[in-house]
Amino acid sequence: MSAAEKGWKDVPKGGLILDAGNAMEYETGDWRTYKPVWDEEKCIHCMICWVFCPDSSIKVEDGKMVGIDYKHCKGCGICSFECPRKAIEMVLETEENGEAGACE
């Protein structure tokens, strides 16, 4: 083992947050089974999805939704449930991608 690699004694205990604001360092999108698919034509940019997203996966530019960060979205479906215009639909990962187990 090189000096750069950590051994099992060096790894922090599970559940500990050692540095505040470090969620962007961990890509957690591979966990999901369902994926939110955004329909830009239905969207009124009310930003309710952004307010309720627990993973900050709603991409915003100039006060408008511009997409979804699939690297961090866990597929909880809260954005789809809360959207008043039903502009976000939850679909199985395999249906959206056309192949089993593929994630963006």
Protein backbone atom coordinates (compact mmCIF):
# COMPACT_ATOMS: atom_id res chain seq x y z
CA MET A 1 0.00 0.00 0.00
CA SER A 2 1.39 3.39 -0.98
CA ALA A 3 1.50 6.34 1.41
CA ALA A 4 -1.34 8.01 -0.55
CA GLU A 5 -3.76 5.11 0.07
CA LYS A 6 -5.65 4.94 3.33
CA GLY A 7 -5.91 1.77 5.34
CA TRP A 8 -9.05 0.61 7.08
CA LYS A 9 -7.99 2.34 10.30
CA ASP A 10 -7.77 5.69 8.47
CA VAL A 11 -11.29 5.61 7.04
CA PRO A 12 -13.79 7.65 9.13
CA LYS A 13 -16.69 5.90 10.85
CA GLY A 14 -19.84 5.67 8.74
CA GLY A 15 -22.33 8.49 8.99
CA LEU A 16 -19.81 11.11 10.06
CA ILE A 17 -19.72 14.40 8.18
CA LEU A 18 -16.15 15.58 8.50
CA ASP A 19 -16.41 18.67 6.28
CA ALA A 20 -19.48 20.88 5.92
CA GLY A 21 -20.82 21.32 2.40
CA ASN A 22 -19.06 18.33 0.86
CA ALA A 23 -22.05 16.69 -0.87
CA MET A 24 -20.89 17.82 -4.33
CA GLU A 25 -17.83 15.59 -3.92
CA TYR A 26 -19.98 12.43 -3.97
CA GLU A 27 -21.83 11.36 -7.09
CA THR A 28 -24.89 9.52 -5.82
CA GLY A 29 -27.02 9.34 -8.96
CA ASP A 30 -26.24 5.68 -9.54
CA TRP A 31 -28.50 4.80 -6.61
CA ARG A 32 -31.76 5.60 -8.33
CA THR A 33 -34.22 3.24 -9.98
CA TYR A 34 -36.52 5.97 -11.29
CA LYS A 35 -35.26 9.05 -13.10
CA PRO A 36 -37.02 12.43 -13.36
CA VAL A 37 -37.51 13.53 -16.96
CA TRP A 38 -38.25 17.24 -17.43
CA ASP A 39 -40.64 18.52 -20.12
CA GLU A 40 -39.50 22.08 -20.81
CA GLU A 41 -42.71 22.93 -22.72
CA LYS A 42 -44.91 22.22 -19.68
CA CYS A 43 -42.60 23.99 -17.22
CA ILE A 44 -43.60 27.45 -15.96
CA HIS A 45 -40.34 27.88 -13.99
CA CYS A 46 -42.16 28.25 -10.67
CA MET A 47 -39.09 26.66 -9.00
CA ILE A 48 -41.17 24.52 -6.64
CA CYS A 49 -39.08 21.52 -7.73
CA TRP A 50 -35.92 23.40 -6.77
CA VAL A 51 -37.33 24.29 -3.34
CA PHE A 52 -38.28 20.70 -2.52
CA CYS A 53 -35.33 18.80 -4.06
CA PRO A 54 -33.34 17.35 -1.13
CA ASP A 55 -30.25 16.83 -3.30
CA SER A 56 -30.02 20.25 -5.01
CA SER A 57 -30.29 18.43 -8.34
CA ILE A 58 -32.41 21.03 -10.12
CA LYS A 59 -30.17 23.10 -12.41
CA VAL A 60 -31.05 26.80 -12.48
CA GLU A 61 -29.80 29.69 -14.59
CA ASP A 62 -31.18 33.23 -14.45
CA GLY A 63 -34.03 32.14 -12.18
CA LYS A 64 -35.26 29.39 -14.54
CA MET A 65 -34.94 25.65 -14.46
CA VAL A 66 -32.59 24.43 -17.17
CA GLY A 67 -32.29 20.74 -16.36
CA ILE A 68 -31.54 18.06 -13.78
CA ASP A 69 -28.18 17.08 -12.31
CA TYR A 70 -28.31 13.31 -12.75
CA LYS A 71 -24.94 12.80 -11.05
CA HIS A 72 -26.54 13.71 -7.71
CA CYS A 73 -30.26 12.96 -8.21
CA LYS A 74 -31.28 9.86 -6.26
CA GLY A 75 -34.68 9.53 -7.96
CA CYS A 76 -36.84 10.21 -4.91
CA GLY A 77 -39.62 11.74 -7.07
CA ILE A 78 -40.36 14.71 -4.82
CA CYS A 79 -39.81 17.13 -7.73
CA SER A 80 -42.34 15.23 -9.85
CA PHE A 81 -44.87 15.01 -7.02
CA GLU A 82 -44.64 18.73 -6.19
CA CYS A 83 -44.69 20.06 -9.78
CA PRO A 84 -48.05 21.82 -10.33
CA ARG A 85 -47.80 21.45 -14.13
CA LYS A 86 -46.63 17.81 -14.13
CA ALA A 87 -43.56 18.90 -16.12
CA ILE A 88 -41.43 16.23 -14.44
CA GLU A 89 -42.23 12.57 -15.00
CA MET A 90 -40.56 9.70 -13.19
CA VAL A 91 -39.51 6.87 -15.50
CA LEU A 92 -37.53 3.70 -14.91
CA GLU A 93 -33.86 4.16 -15.71
CA THR A 94 -34.02 1.22 -18.13
CA GLU A 95 -37.00 2.73 -20.01
CA GLU A 96 -35.35 6.13 -20.47
CA ASN A 97 -31.97 4.78 -21.52
CA GLY A 98 -33.14 1.77 -23.49
CA GLU A 99 -30.77 -0.58 -21.68
CA ALA A 100 -30.61 -2.22 -18.31
CA GLY A 101 -28.62 -0.58 -15.54
CA ALA A 102 -27.34 2.42 -17.52
CA CYS A 103 -27.14 5.77 -15.75
CA GLU A 104 -26.01 9.16 -16.99
